[in-house]
Each structure stands twice: as C-alpha cells, then as structure tokens.
Amino acid sequence: MKKNKTRNTILSIAAICAAIVVVYFAIANIPKTEESVVMTETAKELAQNFDTSYPSTPREVMKHYAQITKCFYMEDTTDEQVVELAKMMRKLFDDELLATQTEDEYIRSLKAEILQFREASKIVSSFSVSSSTDVRYSNNEYGSLATMLLTLNMRENGRIVQVREEFLLRQDSEGHWKILGWQLSD
C-alpha cells in the first residue's frame, strides 16, 4: 500500500513537471506582435494631431508650446522635424499673430535661431507652466483672454538660466485657446 502511494506521488509530481514544461514552451513560442519602441520627445510631440485633438485649456496649449520649443533645440532634432514642429507650433498661434510672418519666414527665422543656440551649446533643459489657478482670465472687445507665465530653464556651458515669459492667449470662434503674443516677464 505504501508502494502504491509513493508511486502515485511520483507520477503526480512528474505530471505536474511535464505540464509546467509544456506551458513554458507554449508561452515562450507565442509570436511577439509588437516590438517595444522607444520614442524620442520630438517623435512624441510630432505624434500629436491638433486638428483632431486640440488642447482644451490655456495651460495645455502652453505645455505643448513649451515642449515643442524644447524639441526645437535638442541636438537630435533633424531639419525635417524642425519644419514639422514649426507647422505644429503655428497651429497654436492666433490668426493675428500668424499674420505677422509667413510660414516660410517663420521657419527661416527659427532655423537661424536654432543654429545660434547650437553654436552656443544652449538647450532648453526643462520648463514650467503657471498652475491652473494662476491663469488670469478676462474679457474685452477683443474676446476672451487668458494671461499666464512660462518659465524656460536654459542650460548653457553647465549653468542654468531661467527665462520667464508672460503669454496672452485668446479664445477663437471654435473655443480653442490660441497664443496671441508674449513678452519677457520681470
């Protein structure tokens, strides 16, 4: 009786081990349908589509503005990506601001500025946007307006310099907040 019990225990353990081996090989041989892809910050921003999914708040508009600005000055951003990012950036601008420069003038000016930054080894290392509670809203004959701050942290030769800018956004006829202009802040 003891031999039967021992034999049944051994057979049970063998069956469990065989099942584990079968399950292991079955899982190991499942074809992988997606490879893990690491996207750069520039590629992530370029994946946005403002035509179908425009940022809903002034703060979100400014986050995209700041992220695109940061991408402009990254060493690994190509000329083609700069052009695509510039086109995206212009979608965040109010019509009145767009009227001050053609797309070609904007891109040409932007590329010259990027070249200056790269020659000076300057990059935008990080940024911060005003909190939602710090956005100042107003209405006047020009429409619904929002004013807020953006701080860009620029790294140049191992030191960080903060650039604070005050932005004015205006809500367009579709309810989208667009950048009307900005100036350096105290």
Protein backbone atom coordinates (compact mmCIF):
# COMPACT_ATOMS: atom_id res chain seq x y z
CA MET A 1 0.00 0.00 0.00
CA LYS A 2 2.87 2.30 0.83
CA LYS A 3 4.50 1.48 -2.55
CA ASN A 4 1.30 2.49 -4.41
CA LYS A 5 1.08 5.75 -2.51
CA THR A 6 4.74 6.58 -3.24
CA ARG A 7 4.32 5.59 -6.88
CA ASN A 8 1.18 7.79 -7.22
CA THR A 9 3.01 10.73 -5.61
CA ILE A 10 5.95 10.34 -8.01
CA LEU A 11 3.60 10.09 -11.01
CA SER A 12 1.70 13.19 -9.86
CA ILE A 13 4.90 15.20 -9.46
CA ALA A 14 6.12 14.02 -12.89
CA ALA A 15 2.79 15.01 -14.48
CA ILE A 16 2.93 18.47 -12.86
CA CYS A 17 6.54 18.97 -14.05
CA ALA A 18 5.59 17.87 -17.56
CA ALA A 19 2.66 20.33 -17.56
CA ILE A 20 4.93 23.15 -16.40
CA VAL A 21 7.41 22.38 -19.19
CA VAL A 22 4.62 22.28 -21.81
CA VAL A 23 3.15 25.60 -20.60
CA TYR A 24 6.62 27.21 -20.52
CA PHE A 25 7.39 26.24 -24.11
CA ALA A 26 3.92 27.27 -25.27
CA ILE A 27 4.36 30.75 -23.74
CA ALA A 28 7.94 31.09 -25.00
CA ASN A 29 6.85 30.32 -28.57
CA ILE A 30 3.98 32.84 -28.74
CA PRO A 31 4.87 35.17 -31.61
CA LYS A 32 5.56 38.72 -30.49
CA THR A 33 3.27 41.07 -32.40
CA GLU A 34 4.67 44.37 -31.11
CA GLU A 35 8.24 45.29 -30.51
CA SER A 36 8.98 47.77 -27.77
CA VAL A 37 9.69 51.13 -29.38
CA VAL A 38 11.30 53.98 -27.52
CA MET A 39 10.07 57.31 -28.86
CA THR A 40 12.08 60.48 -28.56
CA GLU A 41 10.48 63.58 -27.07
CA THR A 42 10.37 65.06 -30.56
CA ALA A 43 8.63 61.99 -32.01
CA LYS A 44 6.10 62.04 -29.17
CA GLU A 45 5.25 65.67 -29.85
CA LEU A 46 5.07 65.08 -33.60
CA ALA A 47 2.58 62.28 -32.94
CA GLN A 48 0.08 64.87 -31.64
CA ASN A 49 -2.68 65.95 -34.01
CA PHE A 50 -4.00 69.41 -33.17
CA ASP A 51 -6.56 69.20 -35.98
CA THR A 52 -8.44 66.38 -34.24
CA SER A 53 -7.34 66.83 -30.63
CA TYR A 54 -6.61 70.46 -29.82
CA PRO A 55 -5.50 71.25 -26.22
CA SER A 56 -8.58 72.20 -24.21
CA THR A 57 -7.15 74.77 -21.77
CA PRO A 58 -4.67 77.66 -21.96
CA ARG A 59 -2.36 75.66 -19.69
CA GLU A 60 -2.41 72.65 -22.04
CA VAL A 61 -1.69 74.93 -25.01
CA MET A 62 1.31 76.32 -23.14
CA LYS A 63 2.58 72.84 -22.22
CA HIS A 64 2.62 71.93 -25.92
CA TYR A 65 4.22 75.25 -26.82
CA ALA A 66 6.97 74.67 -24.25
CA GLN A 67 7.52 71.04 -25.26
CA ILE A 68 7.78 71.97 -28.95
CA THR A 69 10.20 74.78 -28.02
CA LYS A 70 12.30 72.30 -26.05
CA CYS A 71 12.33 69.91 -29.03
CA PHE A 72 13.47 72.66 -31.41
CA TYR A 73 16.76 72.98 -29.57
CA MET A 74 17.54 69.30 -28.96
CA GLU A 75 20.68 68.09 -30.68
CA ASP A 76 18.97 65.05 -32.22
CA THR A 77 16.10 67.02 -33.80
CA THR A 78 16.53 66.96 -37.59
CA ASP A 79 15.81 69.82 -40.02
CA GLU A 80 12.76 67.93 -41.28
CA GLN A 81 11.45 67.57 -37.73
CA VAL A 82 12.05 71.29 -37.09
CA VAL A 83 9.85 72.11 -40.11
CA GLU A 84 7.08 69.77 -38.90
CA LEU A 85 7.32 71.11 -35.34
CA ALA A 86 7.17 74.68 -36.67
CA LYS A 87 3.98 73.87 -38.55
CA MET A 88 2.54 72.39 -35.35
CA MET A 89 3.60 75.43 -33.36
CA ARG A 90 1.82 77.76 -35.78
CA LYS A 91 -1.42 75.85 -35.12
CA LEU A 92 -1.17 77.14 -31.53
CA PHE A 93 -0.92 80.77 -32.71
CA ASP A 94 -3.81 83.19 -33.05
CA ASP A 95 -4.62 84.39 -36.60
CA GLU A 96 -3.45 87.88 -35.66
CA LEU A 97 -0.02 86.53 -34.66
CA LEU A 98 0.15 84.31 -37.75
CA ALA A 99 -0.40 87.37 -39.95
CA THR A 100 2.90 88.91 -38.79
CA GLN A 101 5.02 86.27 -40.60
CA THR A 102 4.51 83.78 -43.39
CA GLU A 103 5.21 80.15 -42.63
CA ASP A 104 8.43 80.29 -44.68
CA GLU A 105 9.64 83.43 -42.85
CA TYR A 106 8.87 81.80 -39.50
CA ILE A 107 10.76 78.61 -40.38
CA ARG A 108 13.75 80.54 -41.78
CA SER A 109 13.93 82.73 -38.66
CA LEU A 110 13.51 79.72 -36.40
CA LYS A 111 16.31 77.76 -38.10
CA ALA A 112 18.66 80.73 -37.72
CA GLU A 113 17.83 80.94 -34.00
CA ILE A 114 18.32 77.18 -33.55
CA LEU A 115 21.73 77.45 -35.23
CA GLN A 116 22.73 80.23 -32.80
CA PHE A 117 21.62 78.10 -29.85
CA ARG A 118 23.58 75.08 -31.08
CA GLU A 119 26.70 77.15 -31.69
CA ALA A 120 26.42 78.49 -28.12
CA SER A 121 25.73 74.95 -26.79
CA LYS A 122 22.40 76.17 -25.39
CA ILE A 123 19.44 73.88 -24.81
CA VAL A 124 16.09 74.15 -23.08
CA SER A 125 16.55 71.65 -20.27
CA SER A 126 13.10 71.98 -18.69
CA PHE A 127 10.11 74.25 -18.35
CA SER A 128 7.26 75.08 -16.03
CA VAL A 129 3.84 76.48 -16.85
CA SER A 130 1.64 78.51 -14.50
CA SER A 131 -0.70 76.37 -12.44
CA SER A 132 -4.37 76.41 -13.43
CA THR A 133 -5.16 78.71 -10.52
CA ASP A 134 -2.56 81.26 -11.70
CA VAL A 135 -4.13 81.76 -15.13
CA ARG A 136 -5.79 85.19 -15.26
CA TYR A 137 -8.93 85.34 -17.40
CA SER A 138 -10.56 88.48 -18.78
CA ASN A 139 -12.99 89.62 -21.45
CA ASN A 140 -12.85 92.74 -23.59
CA GLU A 141 -13.75 93.90 -27.09
CA TYR A 142 -11.12 91.50 -28.48
CA GLY A 143 -12.73 88.43 -26.88
CA SER A 144 -11.97 86.03 -24.05
CA LEU A 145 -8.35 86.32 -22.95
CA ALA A 146 -6.03 84.34 -20.68
CA THR A 147 -2.68 85.52 -19.31
CA MET A 148 -0.10 83.17 -17.83
CA LEU A 149 3.59 82.63 -17.21
CA LEU A 150 6.02 80.18 -18.76
CA THR A 151 9.48 79.59 -17.34
CA LEU A 152 12.10 78.04 -19.60
CA ASN A 153 15.24 76.68 -17.96
CA MET A 154 18.11 77.08 -20.42
CA ARG A 155 21.39 75.27 -19.94
CA GLU A 156 24.46 76.93 -21.36
CA ASN A 157 28.02 75.90 -20.56
CA GLY A 158 26.99 73.99 -17.44
CA ARG A 159 24.85 76.70 -15.88
CA ILE A 160 21.08 77.13 -15.84
CA VAL A 161 19.45 80.42 -16.79
CA GLN A 162 15.74 80.95 -16.29
CA VAL A 163 13.75 82.86 -18.87
CA ARG A 164 10.28 83.90 -17.70
CA GLU A 165 7.75 84.97 -20.29
CA GLU A 166 4.18 86.20 -19.92
CA PHE A 167 1.79 84.89 -22.58
CA LEU A 168 -1.52 86.24 -23.76
CA LEU A 169 -3.96 83.74 -25.27
CA ARG A 170 -7.28 84.44 -26.95
CA GLN A 171 -10.17 82.06 -27.44
CA ASP A 172 -11.14 81.68 -31.11
CA SER A 173 -14.60 81.08 -32.59
CA GLU A 174 -14.21 77.31 -32.11
CA GLY A 175 -13.39 77.73 -28.40
CA HIS A 176 -9.68 76.98 -28.89
CA TRP A 177 -7.16 78.98 -26.90
CA LYS A 178 -4.54 80.45 -29.25
CA ILE A 179 -1.34 82.33 -28.43
CA LEU A 180 -1.78 86.00 -29.28
CA GLY A 181 1.65 87.15 -28.07
CA TRP A 182 4.19 87.16 -25.26
CA GLN A 183 6.82 89.27 -23.60
CA LEU A 184 9.65 88.80 -21.13
CA SER A 185 8.40 88.93 -17.56
CA ASP A 186 10.08 90.61 -14.62
